[in-house]
């Protein structure tokens, strides 16, 4: 039989319920703050990098680029195209507005697994001017049914290699490769050594599984800035491991 002193030291069931309830409340509050974009884990780690940027698409709607550019950002990537025929409806306006600001500006293309790299390159070349101050970026990630049934690495390589080759020949600059962590591991690991890497990691700083350094890190998809009026309340935020001058040099022709 436990002593009277031991019995007094043992936490009561009421105490455990109280503590558990308190922990649950704290987790719920933190979850709500994160969902609302008030706090975001990656934001803390990203403060160690001075060069910041956004990436935008039609979801942000009309953008006042003077307002957006004034909020301590250095660069912007703008969605231009998707697959072999789609063009972002706000690309032309966003490109003109961003290029009139003091930001470094580049276009990004969402790569389709359903059409050849050559025709996707044609779509980009037909719509993206050659006066960008950042290289074209190719977004490689799962979408739709491909989350459950990703294409093989060979399938993606057969699309991505001719796409990159055509773009480099046309623009005279090595394209950037954007990827989520799963897509990087499956399709880009130990390859494409000349292409700067833009990696998505919204909780912890990225660590590429082949030990490679990243150039741009998308650390948040739930930030809020002034200057846009689209259906998407949040905006994607990024930092670069490079200085602004080094980032600009990627597009030196």
C-alpha atoms as a PDB file:
ATOM      1  CA  UNK A   1       0.000   0.000   0.000  1.00  0.00           C
ATOM      2  CA  UNK A   2       1.476   3.430  -0.927  1.00  0.00           C
ATOM      3  CA  UNK A   3       2.286   5.781   1.903  1.00  0.00           C
ATOM      4  CA  UNK A   4       0.141   8.786   2.680  1.00  0.00           C
ATOM      5  CA  UNK A   5       2.945  11.086   1.398  1.00  0.00           C
ATOM      6  CA  UNK A   6       3.145   9.221  -1.947  1.00  0.00           C
ATOM      7  CA  UNK A   7      -0.615   9.467  -2.325  1.00  0.00           C
ATOM      8  CA  UNK A   8      -0.492  13.215  -1.798  1.00  0.00           C
ATOM      9  CA  UNK A   9       2.246  13.579  -4.444  1.00  0.00           C
ATOM     10  CA  UNK A  10       0.414  11.627  -7.138  1.00  0.00           C
ATOM     11  CA  UNK A  11      -1.436  14.053  -9.473  1.00  0.00           C
ATOM     12  CA  UNK A  12      -5.177  13.660  -9.251  1.00  0.00           C
ATOM     13  CA  UNK A  13      -7.341  12.817 -12.216  1.00  0.00           C
ATOM     14  CA  UNK A  14      -8.765  16.320 -12.043  1.00  0.00           C
ATOM     15  CA  UNK A  15      -5.246  17.752 -12.423  1.00  0.00           C
ATOM     16  CA  UNK A  16      -4.544  15.615 -15.477  1.00  0.00           C
ATOM     17  CA  UNK A  17      -7.840  16.683 -17.048  1.00  0.00           C
ATOM     18  CA  UNK A  18      -7.037  20.335 -16.348  1.00  0.00           C
ATOM     19  CA  UNK A  19      -3.542  20.085 -17.832  1.00  0.00           C
ATOM     20  CA  UNK A  20      -4.743  18.148 -20.870  1.00  0.00           C
ATOM     21  CA  UNK A  21      -7.501  20.664 -21.480  1.00  0.00           C
ATOM     22  CA  UNK A  22      -5.012  23.519 -21.227  1.00  0.00           C
ATOM     23  CA  UNK A  23      -2.665  21.886 -23.726  1.00  0.00           C
ATOM     24  CA  UNK A  24      -5.565  21.273 -26.100  1.00  0.00           C
ATOM     25  CA  UNK A  25      -6.668  24.897 -25.885  1.00  0.00           C
ATOM     26  CA  UNK A  26      -3.124  26.111 -26.605  1.00  0.00           C
ATOM     27  CA  UNK A  27      -2.857  23.787 -29.626  1.00  0.00           C
ATOM     28  CA  UNK A  28      -6.229  24.938 -30.936  1.00  0.00           C
ATOM     29  CA  UNK A  29      -5.251  28.594 -30.568  1.00  0.00           C
ATOM     30  CA  UNK A  30      -1.902  28.014 -32.289  1.00  0.00           C
ATOM     31  CA  UNK A  31      -3.667  26.083 -35.049  1.00  0.00           C
ATOM     32  CA  UNK A  32      -6.154  28.908 -35.564  1.00  0.00           C
ATOM     33  CA  UNK A  33      -3.380  31.507 -35.663  1.00  0.00           C
ATOM     34  CA  UNK A  34      -1.431  29.441 -38.197  1.00  0.00           C
ATOM     35  CA  UNK A  35      -4.548  28.862 -40.331  1.00  0.00           C
ATOM     36  CA  UNK A  36      -5.179  32.587 -40.315  1.00  0.00           C
ATOM     37  CA  UNK A  37      -1.608  33.367 -41.299  1.00  0.00           C
ATOM     38  CA  UNK A  38      -0.902  35.238 -38.061  1.00  0.00           C
ATOM     39  CA  UNK A  39       1.940  32.882 -37.207  1.00  0.00           C
ATOM     40  CA  UNK A  40       3.755  30.509 -39.509  1.00  0.00           C
ATOM     41  CA  UNK A  41       6.615  28.155 -38.552  1.00  0.00           C
ATOM     42  CA  UNK A  42       8.851  28.800 -41.546  1.00  0.00           C
ATOM     43  CA  UNK A  43       8.640  32.548 -41.070  1.00  0.00           C
ATOM     44  CA  UNK A  44      10.855  32.381 -37.995  1.00  0.00           C
ATOM     45  CA  UNK A  45      13.644  30.568 -39.834  1.00  0.00           C
ATOM     46  CA  UNK A  46      13.294  32.739 -42.936  1.00  0.00           C
ATOM     47  CA  UNK A  47      14.218  35.884 -41.009  1.00  0.00           C
ATOM     48  CA  UNK A  48      17.839  34.819 -41.353  1.00  0.00           C
ATOM     49  CA  UNK A  49      17.731  35.726 -45.063  1.00  0.00           C
ATOM     50  CA  UNK A  50      17.671  39.316 -46.294  1.00  0.00           C
ATOM     51  CA  UNK A  51      16.396  38.858 -49.860  1.00  0.00           C
ATOM     52  CA  UNK A  52      12.624  38.279 -49.903  1.00  0.00           C
ATOM     53  CA  UNK A  53      10.123  37.781 -52.671  1.00  0.00           C
ATOM     54  CA  UNK A  54       6.602  36.765 -53.623  1.00  0.00           C
ATOM     55  CA  UNK A  55       5.076  34.531 -56.233  1.00  0.00           C
ATOM     56  CA  UNK A  56       1.636  35.365 -57.604  1.00  0.00           C
ATOM     57  CA  UNK A  57      -0.974  34.149 -60.053  1.00  0.00           C
ATOM     58  CA  UNK A  58      -4.527  34.988 -61.085  1.00  0.00           C
ATOM     59  CA  UNK A  59      -5.628  34.012 -57.565  1.00  0.00           C
ATOM     60  CA  UNK A  60      -4.250  37.335 -56.305  1.00  0.00           C
ATOM     61  CA  UNK A  61      -6.346  39.188 -58.891  1.00  0.00           C
ATOM     62  CA  UNK A  62      -5.421  42.752 -59.779  1.00  0.00           C
ATOM     63  CA  UNK A  63      -2.182  43.828 -58.128  1.00  0.00           C
ATOM     64  CA  UNK A  64      -0.999  47.334 -57.321  1.00  0.00           C
ATOM     65  CA  UNK A  65       2.679  46.670 -57.874  1.00  0.00           C
ATOM     66  CA  UNK A  66       3.817  49.965 -56.373  1.00  0.00           C
ATOM     67  CA  UNK A  67       2.093  49.031 -53.116  1.00  0.00           C
ATOM     68  CA  UNK A  68       3.275  45.426 -53.157  1.00  0.00           C
ATOM     69  CA  UNK A  69       6.871  46.296 -54.034  1.00  0.00           C
ATOM     70  CA  UNK A  70       7.107  48.775 -51.152  1.00  0.00           C
ATOM     71  CA  UNK A  71       6.675  46.031 -48.531  1.00  0.00           C
ATOM     72  CA  UNK A  72      10.290  44.955 -48.081  1.00  0.00           C
ATOM     73  CA  UNK A  73      10.431  42.557 -51.024  1.00  0.00           C
ATOM     74  CA  UNK A  74      13.154  42.247 -53.641  1.00  0.00           C
ATOM     75  CA  UNK A  75      11.753  39.916 -56.278  1.00  0.00           C
ATOM     76  CA  UNK A  76       8.563  38.511 -57.749  1.00  0.00           C
ATOM     77  CA  UNK A  77       7.780  35.405 -59.751  1.00  0.00           C
ATOM     78  CA  UNK A  78       4.577  35.636 -61.799  1.00  0.00           C
ATOM     79  CA  UNK A  79       2.633  32.679 -63.161  1.00  0.00           C
ATOM     80  CA  UNK A  80       2.630  32.881 -66.936  1.00  0.00           C
ATOM     81  CA  UNK A  81       1.502  29.595 -68.380  1.00  0.00           C
ATOM     82  CA  UNK A  82       0.473  26.015 -67.714  1.00  0.00           C
ATOM     83  CA  UNK A  83       0.845  23.014 -69.966  1.00  0.00           C
ATOM     84  CA  UNK A  84       0.794  23.526 -73.720  1.00  0.00           C
ATOM     85  CA  UNK A  85      -2.040  26.024 -74.050  1.00  0.00           C
ATOM     86  CA  UNK A  86      -3.120  27.720 -70.805  1.00  0.00           C
ATOM     87  CA  UNK A  87      -2.087  31.308 -70.092  1.00  0.00           C
ATOM     88  CA  UNK A  88      -2.700  32.966 -66.726  1.00  0.00           C
ATOM     89  CA  UNK A  89      -5.340  35.637 -67.328  1.00  0.00           C
ATOM     90  CA  UNK A  90      -3.482  38.231 -65.245  1.00  0.00           C
ATOM     91  CA  UNK A  91       0.001  37.508 -66.573  1.00  0.00           C
ATOM     92  CA  UNK A  92       0.282  40.356 -69.061  1.00  0.00           C
ATOM     93  CA  UNK A  93      -0.949  42.949 -66.550  1.00  0.00           C
ATOM     94  CA  UNK A  94       1.213  41.529 -63.764  1.00  0.00           C
ATOM     95  CA  UNK A  95       4.285  41.445 -65.970  1.00  0.00           C
ATOM     96  CA  UNK A  96       3.869  45.064 -67.053  1.00  0.00           C
ATOM     97  CA  UNK A  97       3.198  46.231 -63.500  1.00  0.00           C
ATOM     98  CA  UNK A  98       6.048  44.300 -61.919  1.00  0.00           C
ATOM     99  CA  UNK A  99       8.529  45.329 -64.602  1.00  0.00           C
ATOM    100  CA  UNK A 100       7.682  48.986 -63.925  1.00  0.00           C
ATOM    101  CA  UNK A 101       8.697  48.521 -60.279  1.00  0.00           C
ATOM    102  CA  UNK A 102      12.196  48.120 -58.856  1.00  0.00           C
ATOM    103  CA  UNK A 103      11.691  44.385 -58.247  1.00  0.00           C
ATOM    104  CA  UNK A 104      13.609  41.575 -59.895  1.00  0.00           C
ATOM    105  CA  UNK A 105      10.958  39.849 -62.021  1.00  0.00           C
ATOM    106  CA  UNK A 106      10.587  36.385 -63.498  1.00  0.00           C
ATOM    107  CA  UNK A 107       7.825  34.194 -64.909  1.00  0.00           C
ATOM    108  CA  UNK A 108       6.979  30.680 -63.805  1.00  0.00           C
ATOM    109  CA  UNK A 109       5.343  27.896 -65.792  1.00  0.00           C
ATOM    110  CA  UNK A 110       3.325  25.101 -64.199  1.00  0.00           C
ATOM    111  CA  UNK A 111       4.546  21.952 -65.927  1.00  0.00           C
ATOM    112  CA  UNK A 112       1.955  19.467 -67.098  1.00  0.00           C
ATOM    113  CA  UNK A 113       2.566  15.723 -67.061  1.00  0.00           C
ATOM    114  CA  UNK A 114       0.079  15.396 -69.918  1.00  0.00           C
ATOM    115  CA  UNK A 115       1.764  17.130 -72.842  1.00  0.00           C
ATOM    116  CA  UNK A 116       5.216  17.185 -74.453  1.00  0.00           C
ATOM    117  CA  UNK A 117       7.952  19.481 -73.248  1.00  0.00           C
ATOM    118  CA  UNK A 118       8.380  20.929 -76.733  1.00  0.00           C
ATOM    119  CA  UNK A 119       4.799  22.233 -76.958  1.00  0.00           C
ATOM    120  CA  UNK A 120       4.922  23.519 -73.395  1.00  0.00           C
ATOM    121  CA  UNK A 121       8.056  25.459 -74.345  1.00  0.00           C
ATOM    122  CA  UNK A 122       6.188  26.881 -77.348  1.00  0.00           C
ATOM    123  CA  UNK A 123       3.455  28.127 -75.009  1.00  0.00           C
ATOM    124  CA  UNK A 124       5.978  29.872 -72.761  1.00  0.00           C
ATOM    125  CA  UNK A 125       7.954  31.418 -75.616  1.00  0.00           C
ATOM    126  CA  UNK A 126       4.769  32.747 -77.214  1.00  0.00           C
ATOM    127  CA  UNK A 127       3.718  34.532 -74.032  1.00  0.00           C
ATOM    128  CA  UNK A 128       6.750  35.412 -71.872  1.00  0.00           C
ATOM    129  CA  UNK A 129       8.951  38.313 -72.999  1.00  0.00           C
ATOM    130  CA  UNK A 130      12.714  37.972 -72.906  1.00  0.00           C
ATOM    131  CA  UNK A 131      13.214  41.091 -70.790  1.00  0.00           C
ATOM    132  CA  UNK A 132      12.732  39.464 -67.379  1.00  0.00           C
ATOM    133  CA  UNK A 133      15.338  40.147 -64.726  1.00  0.00           C
ATOM    134  CA  UNK A 134      15.089  36.596 -63.340  1.00  0.00           C
ATOM    135  CA  UNK A 135      15.244  33.315 -65.266  1.00  0.00           C
ATOM    136  CA  UNK A 136      12.102  31.434 -66.253  1.00  0.00           C
ATOM    137  CA  UNK A 137      11.086  28.975 -63.513  1.00  0.00           C
ATOM    138  CA  UNK A 138       9.482  25.582 -64.143  1.00  0.00           C
ATOM    139  CA  UNK A 139       7.104  24.376 -61.438  1.00  0.00           C
ATOM    140  CA  UNK A 140       7.363  20.588 -60.991  1.00  0.00           C
ATOM    141  CA  UNK A 141       4.820  19.207 -58.534  1.00  0.00           C
ATOM    142  CA  UNK A 142       1.961  16.743 -58.245  1.00  0.00           C
ATOM    143  CA  UNK A 143      -1.560  17.821 -59.121  1.00  0.00           C
ATOM    144  CA  UNK A 144      -4.990  16.226 -59.432  1.00  0.00           C
ATOM    145  CA  UNK A 145      -4.955  12.457 -59.792  1.00  0.00           C
ATOM    146  CA  UNK A 146      -1.152  12.463 -59.830  1.00  0.00           C
ATOM    147  CA  UNK A 147      -1.053  12.855 -56.059  1.00  0.00           C
ATOM    148  CA  UNK A 148      -2.256   9.250 -55.821  1.00  0.00           C
ATOM    149  CA  UNK A 149      -0.553   7.968 -58.968  1.00  0.00           C
ATOM    150  CA  UNK A 150       2.596  10.007 -59.681  1.00  0.00           C
ATOM    151  CA  UNK A 151       4.201   9.544 -63.092  1.00  0.00           C
ATOM    152  CA  UNK A 152       7.549   7.773 -63.221  1.00  0.00           C
ATOM    153  CA  UNK A 153      10.830   9.642 -63.209  1.00  0.00           C
ATOM    154  CA  UNK A 154      11.460   8.561 -66.796  1.00  0.00           C
ATOM    155  CA  UNK A 155       8.110  10.018 -67.882  1.00  0.00           C
ATOM    156  CA  UNK A 156       8.849  13.346 -66.239  1.00  0.00           C
ATOM    157  CA  UNK A 157      12.408  13.441 -67.579  1.00  0.00           C
ATOM    158  CA  UNK A 158      11.102  12.924 -71.126  1.00  0.00           C
ATOM    159  CA  UNK A 159       8.998  16.093 -70.703  1.00  0.00           C
ATOM    160  CA  UNK A 160      11.313  18.213 -68.579  1.00  0.00           C
ATOM    161  CA  UNK A 161      14.601  17.841 -70.481  1.00  0.00           C
ATOM    162  CA  UNK A 162      13.343  19.103 -73.870  1.00  0.00           C
ATOM    163  CA  UNK A 163      11.384  21.828 -72.095  1.00  0.00           C
ATOM    164  CA  UNK A 164      14.497  23.104 -70.318  1.00  0.00           C
ATOM    165  CA  UNK A 165      16.630  22.784 -73.442  1.00  0.00           C
ATOM    166  CA  UNK A 166      14.202  24.806 -75.576  1.00  0.00           C
ATOM    167  CA  UNK A 167      13.872  27.539 -72.975  1.00  0.00           C
ATOM    168  CA  UNK A 168      17.611  27.896 -72.420  1.00  0.00           C
ATOM    169  CA  UNK A 169      18.206  28.085 -76.158  1.00  0.00           C
ATOM    170  CA  UNK A 170      15.542  30.752 -76.586  1.00  0.00           C
ATOM    171  CA  UNK A 171      16.152  32.941 -73.515  1.00  0.00           C
ATOM    172  CA  UNK A 172      19.881  32.334 -73.178  1.00  0.00           C
ATOM    173  CA  UNK A 173      19.550  31.667 -69.444  1.00  0.00           C
ATOM    174  CA  UNK A 174      19.432  28.445 -67.433  1.00  0.00           C
ATOM    175  CA  UNK A 175      15.883  28.022 -66.066  1.00  0.00           C
ATOM    176  CA  UNK A 176      15.121  27.715 -62.365  1.00  0.00           C
ATOM    177  CA  UNK A 177      13.444  24.525 -61.130  1.00  0.00           C
ATOM    178  CA  UNK A 178      10.704  24.854 -58.502  1.00  0.00           C
ATOM    179  CA  UNK A 179       9.579  21.731 -56.680  1.00  0.00           C
ATOM    180  CA  UNK A 180       7.788  20.511 -53.623  1.00  0.00           C
ATOM    181  CA  UNK A 181       9.887  18.195 -51.443  1.00  0.00           C
ATOM    182  CA  UNK A 182       8.181  14.979 -52.692  1.00  0.00           C
ATOM    183  CA  UNK A 183       8.551  16.027 -56.332  1.00  0.00           C
ATOM    184  CA  UNK A 184      12.194  16.970 -55.805  1.00  0.00           C
ATOM    185  CA  UNK A 185      12.960  13.585 -54.275  1.00  0.00           C
ATOM    186  CA  UNK A 186      11.214  11.673 -57.045  1.00  0.00           C
ATOM    187  CA  UNK A 187      12.208  13.682 -60.118  1.00  0.00           C
ATOM    188  CA  UNK A 188      15.144  16.039 -59.499  1.00  0.00           C
ATOM    189  CA  UNK A 189      17.470  14.383 -56.997  1.00  0.00           C
ATOM    190  CA  UNK A 190      21.048  14.015 -58.291  1.00  0.00           C
ATOM    191  CA  UNK A 191      20.189  15.670 -61.605  1.00  0.00           C
ATOM    192  CA  UNK A 192      19.893  19.089 -63.275  1.00  0.00           C
ATOM    193  CA  UNK A 193      23.048  20.314 -61.570  1.00  0.00           C
ATOM    194  CA  UNK A 194      23.140  23.578 -63.557  1.00  0.00           C
ATOM    195  CA  UNK A 195      19.593  24.642 -62.719  1.00  0.00           C
ATOM    196  CA  UNK A 196      19.058  26.790 -59.619  1.00  0.00           C
ATOM    197  CA  UNK A 197      16.622  25.144 -57.206  1.00  0.00           C
ATOM    198  CA  UNK A 198      13.532  26.813 -55.766  1.00  0.00           C
ATOM    199  CA  UNK A 199      12.131  24.532 -53.069  1.00  0.00           C
ATOM    200  CA  UNK A 200       8.893  24.610 -51.105  1.00  0.00           C
ATOM    201  CA  UNK A 201       9.073  23.881 -47.372  1.00  0.00           C
ATOM    202  CA  UNK A 202       6.498  25.672 -45.234  1.00  0.00           C
ATOM    203  CA  UNK A 203       7.412  24.333 -41.784  1.00  0.00           C
ATOM    204  CA  UNK A 204      11.178  23.878 -41.473  1.00  0.00           C
ATOM    205  CA  UNK A 205      14.119  25.148 -43.524  1.00  0.00           C
ATOM    206  CA  UNK A 206      14.621  22.917 -46.563  1.00  0.00           C
ATOM    207  CA  UNK A 207      17.214  20.172 -46.630  1.00  0.00           C
ATOM    208  CA  UNK A 208      17.528  18.592 -50.064  1.00  0.00           C
ATOM    209  CA  UNK A 209      18.047  14.850 -49.848  1.00  0.00           C
ATOM    210  CA  UNK A 210      21.021  14.917 -52.239  1.00  0.00           C
ATOM    211  CA  UNK A 211      22.791  17.557 -50.150  1.00  0.00           C
ATOM    212  CA  UNK A 212      22.414  20.242 -52.781  1.00  0.00           C
ATOM    213  CA  UNK A 213      22.087  23.934 -51.905  1.00  0.00           C
ATOM    214  CA  UNK A 214      18.841  25.739 -52.690  1.00  0.00           C
ATOM    215  CA  UNK A 215      18.682  29.176 -54.297  1.00  0.00           C
ATOM    216  CA  UNK A 216      15.101  30.181 -53.390  1.00  0.00           C
ATOM    217  CA  UNK A 217      12.996  28.853 -50.543  1.00  0.00           C
ATOM    218  CA  UNK A 218       9.212  29.210 -50.495  1.00  0.00           C
ATOM    219  CA  UNK A 219       8.675  29.312 -46.764  1.00  0.00           C
ATOM    220  CA  UNK A 220       5.022  30.308 -46.515  1.00  0.00           C
ATOM    221  CA  UNK A 221       1.807  30.085 -48.496  1.00  0.00           C
ATOM    222  CA  UNK A 222      -0.240  31.915 -45.861  1.00  0.00           C
ATOM    223  CA  UNK A 223       1.193  35.428 -45.621  1.00  0.00           C
ATOM    224  CA  UNK A 224      -0.801  38.586 -46.127  1.00  0.00           C
ATOM    225  CA  UNK A 225       0.458  41.753 -47.826  1.00  0.00           C
ATOM    226  CA  UNK A 226      -1.292  44.860 -49.108  1.00  0.00           C
ATOM    227  CA  UNK A 227      -1.839  45.541 -52.783  1.00  0.00           C
ATOM    228  CA  UNK A 228      -3.944  42.748 -54.275  1.00  0.00           C
ATOM    229  CA  UNK A 229      -7.670  42.100 -54.475  1.00  0.00           C
ATOM    230  CA  UNK A 230      -8.122  38.548 -55.739  1.00  0.00           C
ATOM    231  CA  UNK A 231     -10.112  35.633 -54.382  1.00  0.00           C
ATOM    232  CA  UNK A 232      -7.003  34.347 -52.578  1.00  0.00           C
ATOM    233  CA  UNK A 233      -6.550  36.120 -49.247  1.00  0.00           C
ATOM    234  CA  UNK A 234      -2.955  34.906 -48.815  1.00  0.00           C
ATOM    235  CA  UNK A 235       0.230  35.248 -50.823  1.00  0.00           C
ATOM    236  CA  UNK A 236       3.270  32.962 -51.146  1.00  0.00           C
ATOM    237  CA  UNK A 237       6.486  34.241 -49.573  1.00  0.00           C
ATOM    238  CA  UNK A 238      10.056  33.306 -50.435  1.00  0.00           C
ATOM    239  CA  UNK A 239      13.625  34.090 -49.488  1.00  0.00           C
ATOM    240  CA  UNK A 240      16.840  33.627 -51.421  1.00  0.00           C
ATOM    241  CA  UNK A 241      20.128  32.242 -50.169  1.00  0.00           C
ATOM    242  CA  UNK A 242      21.808  34.724 -52.529  1.00  0.00           C
ATOM    243  CA  UNK A 243      22.296  38.454 -52.259  1.00  0.00           C
ATOM    244  CA  UNK A 244      20.092  40.587 -54.485  1.00  0.00           C
ATOM    245  CA  UNK A 245      22.997  41.178 -56.868  1.00  0.00           C
ATOM    246  CA  UNK A 246      23.773  37.452 -57.008  1.00  0.00           C
ATOM    247  CA  UNK A 247      20.114  36.674 -57.689  1.00  0.00           C
ATOM    248  CA  UNK A 248      20.018  39.251 -60.479  1.00  0.00           C
ATOM    249  CA  UNK A 249      23.160  37.725 -61.972  1.00  0.00           C
ATOM    250  CA  UNK A 250      21.268  34.479 -62.666  1.00  0.00           C
ATOM    251  CA  UNK A 251      19.592  36.260 -65.557  1.00  0.00           C
ATOM    252  CA  UNK A 252      22.757  37.847 -66.936  1.00  0.00           C
ATOM    253  CA  UNK A 253      22.774  37.300 -70.687  1.00  0.00           C
END
